[in-house]
Amino acid sequence: MNLDIEHAHARALKQRLEPLETLFLGFVDNPDADADDKEVSAEMLLWVRESRYTLDGLLQTKSGNDVNSEDPMVASMYAIGEQIDETVAKLREIGVLPSVQTQHL
């Protein structure tokens, strides 16, 4: 697969991480949050920042080259994407994020 495509995917994932970082930082900095919520939010904030660092590493690789889908950086990127999906779904489930409204045709 072409690394240019993977770079585009990594940039999109970084954009999806930005609001999560803001959300978890808000929980960590909230003086009214209980200790357990702050701890979980701090762990998630660390995960967001580590994920962003991993994606930055992929983005620093030379564009235009082909890369194997088994490459650890590419595999990590896809794992980050899955984790973002799971995190957003869980936040919707517990009411932190609004649920997605589906339209019926």
PDB file of N, CA and C in Angstrom:
ATOM      1  N   MET A   1       0.843  -1.168   0.000  1.00  0.00           N
ATOM      2  CA  MET A   1       0.000   0.000   0.000  1.00  0.00           C
ATOM      3  C   MET A   1       0.889   1.230   0.000  1.00  0.00           C
ATOM      4  N   ASN A   2       0.362   2.309  -0.529  1.00  0.00           N
ATOM      5  CA  ASN A   2       1.132   3.529  -0.671  1.00  0.00           C
ATOM      6  C   ASN A   2       1.114   4.323   0.628  1.00  0.00           C
ATOM      7  N   LEU A   3       2.271   4.794   1.024  1.00  0.00           N
ATOM      8  CA  LEU A   3       2.403   5.518   2.281  1.00  0.00           C
ATOM      9  C   LEU A   3       1.647   6.845   2.260  1.00  0.00           C
ATOM     10  N   ASP A   4       1.459   7.438   1.080  1.00  0.00           N
ATOM     11  CA  ASP A   4       0.691   8.687   1.002  1.00  0.00           C
ATOM     12  C   ASP A   4      -0.726   8.481   1.516  1.00  0.00           C
ATOM     13  N   ILE A   5      -1.312   7.347   1.195  1.00  0.00           N
ATOM     14  CA  ILE A   5      -2.668   7.029   1.672  1.00  0.00           C
ATOM     15  C   ILE A   5      -2.656   6.862   3.186  1.00  0.00           C
ATOM     16  N   GLU A   6      -1.630   6.197   3.696  1.00  0.00           N
ATOM     17  CA  GLU A   6      -1.527   6.005   5.145  1.00  0.00           C
ATOM     18  C   GLU A   6      -1.310   7.334   5.862  1.00  0.00           C
ATOM     19  N   HIS A   7      -0.564   8.236   5.232  1.00  0.00           N
ATOM     20  CA  HIS A   7      -0.369   9.565   5.823  1.00  0.00           C
ATOM     21  C   HIS A   7      -1.703  10.303   5.936  1.00  0.00           C
ATOM     22  N   ALA A   8      -2.526  10.209   4.913  1.00  0.00           N
ATOM     23  CA  ALA A   8      -3.837  10.864   4.949  1.00  0.00           C
ATOM     24  C   ALA A   8      -4.692  10.279   6.075  1.00  0.00           C
ATOM     25  N   HIS A   9      -4.633   8.972   6.225  1.00  0.00           N
ATOM     26  CA  HIS A   9      -5.388   8.307   7.286  1.00  0.00           C
ATOM     27  C   HIS A   9      -4.872   8.753   8.649  1.00  0.00           C
ATOM     28  N   ALA A  10      -3.561   8.840   8.813  1.00  0.00           N
ATOM     29  CA  ALA A  10      -2.968   9.269  10.091  1.00  0.00           C
ATOM     30  C   ALA A  10      -3.374  10.699  10.428  1.00  0.00           C
ATOM     31  N   ARG A  11      -3.389  11.571   9.437  1.00  0.00           N
ATOM     32  CA  ARG A  11      -3.812  12.965   9.693  1.00  0.00           C
ATOM     33  C   ARG A  11      -5.274  13.013  10.118  1.00  0.00           C
ATOM     34  N   ALA A  12      -6.115  12.203   9.495  1.00  0.00           N
ATOM     35  CA  ALA A  12      -7.532  12.159   9.873  1.00  0.00           C
ATOM     36  C   ALA A  12      -7.697  11.650  11.306  1.00  0.00           C
ATOM     37  N   LEU A  13      -6.923  10.644  11.684  1.00  0.00           N
ATOM     38  CA  LEU A  13      -6.997  10.127  13.055  1.00  0.00           C
ATOM     39  C   LEU A  13      -6.527  11.167  14.057  1.00  0.00           C
ATOM     40  N   LYS A  14      -5.485  11.924  13.713  1.00  0.00           N
ATOM     41  CA  LYS A  14      -5.025  12.984  14.615  1.00  0.00           C
ATOM     42  C   LYS A  14      -6.127  14.015  14.834  1.00  0.00           C
ATOM     43  N   GLN A  15      -6.885  14.335  13.779  1.00  0.00           N
ATOM     44  CA  GLN A  15      -7.998  15.278  13.917  1.00  0.00           C
ATOM     45  C   GLN A  15      -9.077  14.712  14.835  1.00  0.00           C
ATOM     46  N   ARG A  16      -9.293  13.411  14.776  1.00  0.00           N
ATOM     47  CA  ARG A  16     -10.297  12.782  15.642  1.00  0.00           C
ATOM     48  C   ARG A  16      -9.838  12.744  17.099  1.00  0.00           C
ATOM     49  N   LEU A  17      -8.525  12.758  17.326  1.00  0.00           N
ATOM     50  CA  LEU A  17      -7.992  12.734  18.691  1.00  0.00           C
ATOM     51  C   LEU A  17      -8.114  14.097  19.384  1.00  0.00           C
ATOM     52  N   GLU A  18      -8.100  15.175  18.614  1.00  0.00           N
ATOM     53  CA  GLU A  18      -8.100  16.515  19.205  1.00  0.00           C
ATOM     54  C   GLU A  18      -9.270  16.757  20.166  1.00  0.00           C
ATOM     55  N   PRO A  19     -10.517  16.493  19.761  1.00  0.00           N
ATOM     56  CA  PRO A  19     -11.611  16.741  20.706  1.00  0.00           C
ATOM     57  C   PRO A  19     -11.581  15.805  21.917  1.00  0.00           C
ATOM     58  N   LEU A  20     -11.057  14.589  21.723  1.00  0.00           N
ATOM     59  CA  LEU A  20     -10.943  13.675  22.864  1.00  0.00           C
ATOM     60  C   LEU A  20      -9.924  14.203  23.872  1.00  0.00           C
ATOM     61  N   GLU A  21      -8.832  14.750  23.367  1.00  0.00           N
ATOM     62  CA  GLU A  21      -7.826  15.319  24.266  1.00  0.00           C
ATOM     63  C   GLU A  21      -8.438  16.472  25.065  1.00  0.00           C
ATOM     64  N   THR A  22      -9.169  17.335  24.403  1.00  0.00           N
ATOM     65  CA  THR A  22      -9.820  18.461  25.079  1.00  0.00           C
ATOM     66  C   THR A  22     -10.809  17.964  26.130  1.00  0.00           C
ATOM     67  N   LEU A  23     -11.586  16.964  25.776  1.00  0.00           N
ATOM     68  CA  LEU A  23     -12.568  16.404  26.701  1.00  0.00           C
ATOM     69  C   LEU A  23     -11.903  15.832  27.950  1.00  0.00           C
ATOM     70  N   PHE A  24     -10.912  14.982  27.769  1.00  0.00           N
ATOM     71  CA  PHE A  24     -10.260  14.349  28.918  1.00  0.00           C
ATOM     72  C   PHE A  24      -9.461  15.353  29.745  1.00  0.00           C
ATOM     73  N   LEU A  25      -8.874  16.332  29.101  1.00  0.00           N
ATOM     74  CA  LEU A  25      -8.167  17.381  29.831  1.00  0.00           C
ATOM     75  C   LEU A  25      -9.148  18.165  30.696  1.00  0.00           C
ATOM     76  N   GLY A  26     -10.345  18.402  30.155  1.00  0.00           N
ATOM     77  CA  GLY A  26     -11.382  19.087  30.931  1.00  0.00           C
ATOM     78  C   GLY A  26     -11.779  18.304  32.168  1.00  0.00           C
ATOM     79  N   PHE A  27     -11.885  16.986  32.050  1.00  0.00           N
ATOM     80  CA  PHE A  27     -12.219  16.160  33.213  1.00  0.00           C
ATOM     81  C   PHE A  27     -11.097  16.177  34.249  1.00  0.00           C
ATOM     82  N   VAL A  28      -9.858  16.101  33.772  1.00  0.00           N
ATOM     83  CA  VAL A  28      -8.711  16.091  34.684  1.00  0.00           C
ATOM     84  C   VAL A  28      -8.635  17.412  35.451  1.00  0.00           C
ATOM     85  N   ASP A  29      -8.902  18.519  34.768  1.00  0.00           N
ATOM     86  CA  ASP A  29      -8.804  19.846  35.378  1.00  0.00           C
ATOM     87  C   ASP A  29     -10.049  20.273  36.144  1.00  0.00           C
ATOM     88  N   ASN A  30     -11.101  19.472  36.104  1.00  0.00           N
ATOM     89  CA  ASN A  30     -12.358  19.828  36.768  1.00  0.00           C
ATOM     90  C   ASN A  30     -12.233  19.613  38.282  1.00  0.00           C
ATOM     91  N   PRO A  31     -12.300  20.689  39.060  1.00  0.00           N
ATOM     92  CA  PRO A  31     -12.172  20.529  40.515  1.00  0.00           C
ATOM     93  C   PRO A  31     -13.348  19.780  41.140  1.00  0.00           C
ATOM     94  N   ASP A  32     -14.456  19.709  40.439  1.00  0.00           N
ATOM     95  CA  ASP A  32     -15.644  19.031  40.981  1.00  0.00           C
ATOM     96  C   ASP A  32     -15.694  17.543  40.643  1.00  0.00           C
ATOM     97  N   ALA A  33     -14.786  17.072  39.783  1.00  0.00           N
ATOM     98  CA  ALA A  33     -14.784  15.650  39.395  1.00  0.00           C
ATOM     99  C   ALA A  33     -14.250  14.809  40.544  1.00  0.00           C
ATOM    100  N   ASP A  34     -14.814  13.601  40.671  1.00  0.00           N
ATOM    101  CA  ASP A  34     -14.309  12.735  41.748  1.00  0.00           C
ATOM    102  C   ASP A  34     -12.976  12.114  41.323  1.00  0.00           C
ATOM    103  N   ALA A  35     -12.279  11.558  42.294  1.00  0.00           N
ATOM    104  CA  ALA A  35     -10.923  11.042  42.074  1.00  0.00           C
ATOM    105  C   ALA A  35     -10.890   9.935  41.020  1.00  0.00           C
ATOM    106  N   ASP A  36     -11.878   9.052  41.036  1.00  0.00           N
ATOM    107  CA  ASP A  36     -11.900   7.959  40.055  1.00  0.00           C
ATOM    108  C   ASP A  36     -12.053   8.489  38.635  1.00  0.00           C
ATOM    109  N   ASP A  37     -12.955   9.466  38.444  1.00  0.00           N
ATOM    110  CA  ASP A  37     -13.142  10.052  37.113  1.00  0.00           C
ATOM    111  C   ASP A  37     -11.874  10.746  36.642  1.00  0.00           C
ATOM    112  N   LYS A  38     -11.216  11.434  37.563  1.00  0.00           N
ATOM    113  CA  LYS A  38      -9.968  12.115  37.201  1.00  0.00           C
ATOM    114  C   LYS A  38      -8.885  11.107  36.815  1.00  0.00           C
ATOM    115  N   GLU A  39      -8.815  10.009  37.540  1.00  0.00           N
ATOM    116  CA  GLU A  39      -7.801   8.993  37.246  1.00  0.00           C
ATOM    117  C   GLU A  39      -8.035   8.359  35.880  1.00  0.00           C
ATOM    118  N   VAL A  40      -9.276   7.993  35.605  1.00  0.00           N
ATOM    119  CA  VAL A  40      -9.603   7.394  34.307  1.00  0.00           C
ATOM    120  C   VAL A  40      -9.350   8.404  33.189  1.00  0.00           C
ATOM    121  N   SER A  41      -9.733   9.648  33.419  1.00  0.00           N
ATOM    122  CA  SER A  41      -9.523  10.678  32.410  1.00  0.00           C
ATOM    123  C   SER A  41      -8.041  10.923  32.173  1.00  0.00           C
ATOM    124  N   ALA A  42      -7.241  10.882  33.231  1.00  0.00           N
ATOM    125  CA  ALA A  42      -5.795  11.064  33.082  1.00  0.00           C
ATOM    126  C   ALA A  42      -5.191   9.917  32.271  1.00  0.00           C
ATOM    127  N   GLU A  43      -5.666   8.697  32.504  1.00  0.00           N
ATOM    128  CA  GLU A  43      -5.186   7.550  31.730  1.00  0.00           C
ATOM    129  C   GLU A  43      -5.575   7.689  30.259  1.00  0.00           C
ATOM    130  N   MET A  44      -6.792   8.128  30.005  1.00  0.00           N
ATOM    131  CA  MET A  44      -7.242   8.305  28.627  1.00  0.00           C
ATOM    132  C   MET A  44      -6.490   9.458  27.956  1.00  0.00           C
ATOM    133  N   LEU A  45      -6.214  10.519  28.709  1.00  0.00           N
ATOM    134  CA  LEU A  45      -5.446  11.634  28.174  1.00  0.00           C
ATOM    135  C   LEU A  45      -4.044  11.174  27.786  1.00  0.00           C
ATOM    136  N   LEU A  46      -3.448  10.346  28.602  1.00  0.00           N
ATOM    137  CA  LEU A  46      -2.135   9.786  28.285  1.00  0.00           C
ATOM    138  C   LEU A  46      -2.212   8.944  27.014  1.00  0.00           C
ATOM    139  N   TRP A  47      -3.246   8.118  26.890  1.00  0.00           N
ATOM    140  CA  TRP A  47      -3.421   7.306  25.680  1.00  0.00           C
ATOM    141  C   TRP A  47      -3.558   8.199  24.442  1.00  0.00           C
ATOM    142  N   VAL A  48      -4.350   9.274  24.547  1.00  0.00           N
ATOM    143  CA  VAL A  48      -4.531  10.183  23.409  1.00  0.00           C
ATOM    144  C   VAL A  48      -3.189  10.770  22.997  1.00  0.00           C
ATOM    145  N   ARG A  49      -2.418  11.216  23.962  1.00  0.00           N
ATOM    146  CA  ARG A  49      -1.125  11.846  23.648  1.00  0.00           C
ATOM    147  C   ARG A  49      -0.124  10.834  23.092  1.00  0.00           C
ATOM    148  N   GLU A  50      -0.115   9.623  23.618  1.00  0.00           N
ATOM    149  CA  GLU A  50       0.764   8.587  23.069  1.00  0.00           C
ATOM    150  C   GLU A  50       0.351   8.225  21.642  1.00  0.00           C
ATOM    151  N   SER A  51      -0.952   8.184  21.404  1.00  0.00           N
ATOM    152  CA  SER A  51      -1.457   7.877  20.064  1.00  0.00           C
ATOM    153  C   SER A  51      -1.040   8.959  19.074  1.00  0.00           C
ATOM    154  N   ARG A  52      -1.167  10.203  19.497  1.00  0.00           N
ATOM    155  CA  ARG A  52      -0.766  11.312  18.636  1.00  0.00           C
ATOM    156  C   ARG A  52       0.735  11.226  18.320  1.00  0.00           C
ATOM    157  N   TYR A  53       1.531  10.878  19.305  1.00  0.00           N
ATOM    158  CA  TYR A  53       2.972  10.721  19.120  1.00  0.00           C
ATOM    159  C   TYR A  53       3.264   9.596  18.104  1.00  0.00           C
ATOM    160  N   THR A  54       2.549   8.491  18.222  1.00  0.00           N
ATOM    161  CA  THR A  54       2.718   7.378  17.281  1.00  0.00           C
ATOM    162  C   THR A  54       2.356   7.816  15.864  1.00  0.00           C
ATOM    163  N   LEU A  55       1.253   8.537  15.732  1.00  0.00           N
ATOM    164  CA  LEU A  55       0.831   9.011  14.410  1.00  0.00           C
ATOM    165  C   LEU A  55       1.833  10.013  13.846  1.00  0.00           C
ATOM    166  N   ASP A  56       2.386  10.861  14.702  1.00  0.00           N
ATOM    167  CA  ASP A  56       3.426  11.793  14.248  1.00  0.00           C
ATOM    168  C   ASP A  56       4.624  11.032  13.699  1.00  0.00           C
ATOM    169  N   GLY A  57       4.976   9.928  14.346  1.00  0.00           N
ATOM    170  CA  GLY A  57       6.086   9.103  13.867  1.00  0.00           C
ATOM    171  C   GLY A  57       5.822   8.558  12.476  1.00  0.00           C
ATOM    172  N   LEU A  58       4.604   8.103  12.245  1.00  0.00           N
ATOM    173  CA  LEU A  58       4.249   7.602  10.916  1.00  0.00           C
ATOM    174  C   LEU A  58       4.303   8.728   9.892  1.00  0.00           C
ATOM    175  N   LEU A  59       3.835   9.901  10.278  1.00  0.00           N
ATOM    176  CA  LEU A  59       3.825  11.030   9.348  1.00  0.00           C
ATOM    177  C   LEU A  59       5.232  11.523   8.997  1.00  0.00           C
ATOM    178  N   GLN A  60       6.211  11.197   9.824  1.00  0.00           N
ATOM    179  CA  GLN A  60       7.589  11.612   9.544  1.00  0.00           C
ATOM    180  C   GLN A  60       8.307  10.666   8.586  1.00  0.00           C
ATOM    181  N   THR A  61       7.709   9.519   8.291  1.00  0.00           N
ATOM    182  CA  THR A  61       8.328   8.608   7.333  1.00  0.00           C
ATOM    183  C   THR A  61       8.177   9.190   5.940  1.00  0.00           C
ATOM    184  N   LYS A  62       9.058   8.816   5.064  1.00  0.00           N
ATOM    185  CA  LYS A  62       9.117   9.404   3.728  1.00  0.00           C
ATOM    186  C   LYS A  62       7.884   9.066   2.906  1.00  0.00           C
ATOM    187  N   SER A  63       7.248  10.093   2.363  1.00  0.00           N
ATOM    188  CA  SER A  63       6.081   9.906   1.503  1.00  0.00           C
ATOM    189  C   SER A  63       6.477   9.275   0.176  1.00  0.00           C
ATOM    190  N   GLY A  64       5.503   8.669  -0.466  1.00  0.00           N
ATOM    191  CA  GLY A  64       5.714   8.120  -1.788  1.00  0.00           C
ATOM    192  C   GLY A  64       6.203   6.686  -1.802  1.00  0.00           C
ATOM    193  N   ASN A  65       6.642   6.185  -0.673  1.00  0.00           N
ATOM    194  CA  ASN A  65       7.111   4.801  -0.609  1.00  0.00           C
ATOM    195  C   ASN A  65       5.934   3.862  -0.385  1.00  0.00           C
ATOM    196  N   ASP A  66       6.154   2.614  -0.768  1.00  0.00           N
ATOM    197  CA  ASP A  66       5.165   1.591  -0.451  1.00  0.00           C
ATOM    198  C   ASP A  66       5.502   1.023   0.914  1.00  0.00           C
ATOM    199  N   VAL A  67       4.472   0.629   1.636  1.00  0.00           N
ATOM    200  CA  VAL A  67       4.674   0.074   2.964  1.00  0.00           C
ATOM    201  C   VAL A  67       3.807  -1.161   3.097  1.00  0.00           C
ATOM    202  N   ASN A  68       4.309  -2.121   3.804  1.00  0.00           N
ATOM    203  CA  ASN A  68       3.596  -3.367   4.041  1.00  0.00           C
ATOM    204  C   ASN A  68       2.552  -3.135   5.130  1.00  0.00           C
ATOM    205  N   SER A  69       1.389  -3.721   4.986  1.00  0.00           N
ATOM    206  CA  SER A  69       0.333  -3.547   5.993  1.00  0.00           C
ATOM    207  C   SER A  69       0.730  -4.169   7.331  1.00  0.00           C
ATOM    208  N   GLU A  70       1.763  -5.013   7.320  1.00  0.00           N
ATOM    209  CA  GLU A  70       2.253  -5.620   8.553  1.00  0.00           C
ATOM    210  C   GLU A  70       3.243  -4.712   9.286  1.00  0.00           C
ATOM    211  N   ASP A  71       3.610  -3.593   8.674  1.00  0.00           N
ATOM    212  CA  ASP A  71       4.538  -2.654   9.294  1.00  0.00           C
ATOM    213  C   ASP A  71       3.983  -2.246  10.661  1.00  0.00           C
ATOM    214  N   PRO A  72       4.815  -2.257  11.707  1.00  0.00           N
ATOM    215  CA  PRO A  72       4.323  -1.952  13.055  1.00  0.00           C
ATOM    216  C   PRO A  72       3.663  -0.576  13.170  1.00  0.00           C
ATOM    217  N   MET A  73       4.200   0.420  12.463  1.00  0.00           N
ATOM    218  CA  MET A  73       3.596   1.757  12.525  1.00  0.00           C
ATOM    219  C   MET A  73       2.203   1.757  11.917  1.00  0.00           C
ATOM    220  N   VAL A  74       2.056   1.076  10.795  1.00  0.00           N
ATOM    221  CA  VAL A  74       0.749   1.025  10.135  1.00  0.00           C
ATOM    222  C   VAL A  74      -0.232   0.233  10.991  1.00  0.00           C
ATOM    223  N   ALA A  75       0.229  -0.883  11.538  1.00  0.00           N
ATOM    224  CA  ALA A  75      -0.629  -1.686  12.413  1.00  0.00           C
ATOM    225  C   ALA A  75      -1.062  -0.870  13.629  1.00  0.00           C
ATOM    226  N   SER A  76      -0.149  -0.094  14.193  1.00  0.00           N
ATOM    227  CA  SER A  76      -0.481   0.761  15.341  1.00  0.00           C
ATOM    228  C   SER A  76      -1.529   1.801  14.960  1.00  0.00           C
ATOM    229  N   MET A  77      -1.391   2.345  13.762  1.00  0.00           N
ATOM    230  CA  MET A  77      -2.339   3.357  13.308  1.00  0.00           C
ATOM    231  C   MET A  77      -3.755   2.778  13.241  1.00  0.00           C
ATOM    232  N   TYR A  78      -3.872   1.583  12.680  1.00  0.00           N
ATOM    233  CA  TYR A  78      -5.198   0.970  12.588  1.00  0.00           C
ATOM    234  C   TYR A  78      -5.739   0.612  13.971  1.00  0.00           C
ATOM    235  N   ALA A  79      -4.869   0.215  14.881  1.00  0.00           N
ATOM    236  CA  ALA A  79      -5.301  -0.069  16.261  1.00  0.00           C
ATOM    237  C   ALA A  79      -5.776   1.212  16.933  1.00  0.00           C
ATOM    238  N   ILE A  80      -5.111   2.330  16.671  1.00  0.00           N
ATOM    239  CA  ILE A  80      -5.535   3.617  17.231  1.00  0.00           C
ATOM    240  C   ILE A  80      -6.919   3.974  16.701  1.00  0.00           C
ATOM    241  N   GLY A  81      -7.128   3.769  15.420  1.00  0.00           N
ATOM    242  CA  GLY A  81      -8.442   4.058  14.830  1.00  0.00           C
ATOM    243  C   GLY A  81      -9.547   3.242  15.483  1.00  0.00           C
ATOM    244  N   GLU A  82      -9.279   1.967  15.724  1.00  0.00           N
ATOM    245  CA  GLU A  82     -10.268   1.111  16.388  1.00  0.00           C
ATOM    246  C   GLU A  82     -10.516   1.575  17.819  1.00  0.00           C
ATOM    247  N   GLN A  83      -9.461   1.971  18.518  1.00  0.00           N
ATOM    248  CA  GLN A  83      -9.604   2.436  19.900  1.00  0.00           C
ATOM    249  C   GLN A  83     -10.393   3.742  19.958  1.00  0.00           C
ATOM    250  N   ILE A  84     -10.169   4.621  18.985  1.00  0.00           N
ATOM    251  CA  ILE A  84     -10.947   5.866  18.930  1.00  0.00           C
ATOM    252  C   ILE A  84     -12.419   5.520  18.783  1.00  0.00           C
ATOM    253  N   ASP A  85     -12.738   4.612  17.857  1.00  0.00           N
ATOM    254  CA  ASP A  85     -14.138   4.210  17.648  1.00  0.00           C
ATOM    255  C   ASP A  85     -14.749   3.645  18.930  1.00  0.00           C
ATOM    256  N   GLU A  86     -13.994   2.790  19.623  1.00  0.00           N
ATOM    257  CA  GLU A  86     -14.497   2.189  20.865  1.00  0.00           C
ATOM    258  C   GLU A  86     -14.676   3.238  21.958  1.00  0.00           C
ATOM    259  N   THR A  87     -13.743   4.165  22.054  1.00  0.00           N
ATOM    260  CA  THR A  87     -13.820   5.214  23.076  1.00  0.00           C
ATOM    261  C   THR A  87     -15.016   6.118  22.835  1.00  0.00           C
ATOM    262  N   VAL A  88     -15.203   6.532  21.595  1.00  0.00           N
ATOM    263  CA  VAL A  88     -16.341   7.389  21.262  1.00  0.00           C
ATOM    264  C   VAL A  88     -17.655   6.653  21.531  1.00  0.00           C
ATOM    265  N   ALA A  89     -17.724   5.383  21.167  1.00  0.00           N
ATOM    266  CA  ALA A  89     -18.943   4.593  21.414  1.00  0.00           C
ATOM    267  C   ALA A  89     -19.226   4.501  22.913  1.00  0.00           C
ATOM    268  N   LYS A  90     -18.193   4.270  23.715  1.00  0.00           N
ATOM    269  CA  LYS A  90     -18.370   4.169  25.165  1.00  0.00           C
ATOM    270  C   LYS A  90     -18.806   5.513  25.747  1.00  0.00           C
ATOM    271  N   LEU A  91     -18.218   6.608  25.273  1.00  0.00           N
ATOM    272  CA  LEU A  91     -18.605   7.939  25.756  1.00  0.00           C
ATOM    273  C   LEU A  91     -20.054   8.257  25.387  1.00  0.00           C
ATOM    274  N   ARG A  92     -20.492   7.776  24.236  1.00  0.00           N
ATOM    275  CA  ARG A  92     -21.904   7.957  23.862  1.00  0.00           C
ATOM    276  C   ARG A  92     -22.800   7.098  24.746  1.00  0.00           C
ATOM    277  N   GLU A  93     -22.347   5.882  25.014  1.00  0.00           N
ATOM    278  CA  GLU A  93     -23.127   4.943  25.832  1.00  0.00           C
ATOM    279  C   GLU A  93     -23.366   5.486  27.241  1.00  0.00           C
ATOM    280  N   ILE A  94     -22.353   6.140  27.817  1.00  0.00           N
ATOM    281  CA  ILE A  94     -22.498   6.647  29.187  1.00  0.00           C
ATOM    282  C   ILE A  94     -23.017   8.082  29.231  1.00  0.00           C
ATOM    283  N   GLY A  95     -23.323   8.650  28.058  1.00  0.00           N
ATOM    284  CA  GLY A  95     -23.956   9.958  28.005  1.00  0.00           C
ATOM    285  C   GLY A  95     -23.022  11.148  28.019  1.00  0.00           C
ATOM    286  N   VAL A  96     -21.723  10.922  27.892  1.00  0.00           N
ATOM    287  CA  VAL A  96     -20.776  12.034  27.849  1.00  0.00           C
ATOM    288  C   VAL A  96     -20.847  12.734  26.493  1.00  0.00           C
ATOM    289  N   LEU A  97     -21.017  11.953  25.440  1.00  0.00           N
ATOM    290  CA  LEU A  97     -21.204  12.484  24.093  1.00  0.00           C
ATOM    291  C   LEU A  97     -22.626  12.181  23.645  1.00  0.00           C
ATOM    292  N   PRO A  98     -23.185  13.047  22.820  1.00  0.00           N
ATOM    293  CA  PRO A  98     -24.542  12.780  22.334  1.00  0.00           C
ATOM    294  C   PRO A  98     -24.560  11.564  21.419  1.00  0.00           C
ATOM    295  N   SER A  99     -25.667  10.858  21.433  1.00  0.00           N
ATOM    296  CA  SER A  99     -25.803   9.711  20.542  1.00  0.00           C
ATOM    297  C   SER A  99     -25.990  10.189  19.121  1.00  0.00           C
ATOM    298  N   VAL A 100     -25.644   9.338  18.198  1.00  0.00           N
ATOM    299  CA  VAL A 100     -25.789   9.668  16.782  1.00  0.00           C
ATOM    300  C   VAL A 100     -27.222   9.365  16.381  1.00  0.00           C
ATOM    301  N   GLN A 101     -27.857  10.337  15.778  1.00  0.00           N
ATOM    302  CA  GLN A 101     -29.214  10.139  15.296  1.00  0.00           C
ATOM    303  C   GLN A 101     -29.165   9.583  13.892  1.00  0.00           C
ATOM    304  N   THR A 102     -29.850   8.498  13.666  1.00  0.00           N
ATOM    305  CA  THR A 102     -29.901   7.927  12.318  1.00  0.00           C
ATOM    306  C   THR A 102     -31.166   8.386  11.641  1.00  0.00           C
ATOM    307  N   GLN A 103     -31.071   8.611  10.350  1.00  0.00           N
ATOM    308  CA  GLN A 103     -32.230   9.012   9.576  1.00  0.00           C
ATOM    309  C   GLN A 103     -32.805   7.806   8.863  1.00  0.00           C
ATOM    310  N   HIS A 104     -34.096   7.677   8.949  1.00  0.00           N
ATOM    311  CA  HIS A 104     -34.768   6.590   8.251  1.00  0.00           C
ATOM    312  C   HIS A 104     -35.354   7.128   6.962  1.00  0.00           C
ATOM    313  N   LEU A 105     -35.086   6.435   5.881  1.00  0.00           N
ATOM    314  CA  LEU A 105     -35.610   6.871   4.576  1.00  0.00           C
ATOM    315  C   LEU A 105     -36.924   6.262   4.288  1.00  0.00           C
TER     316      LEU A 105
END
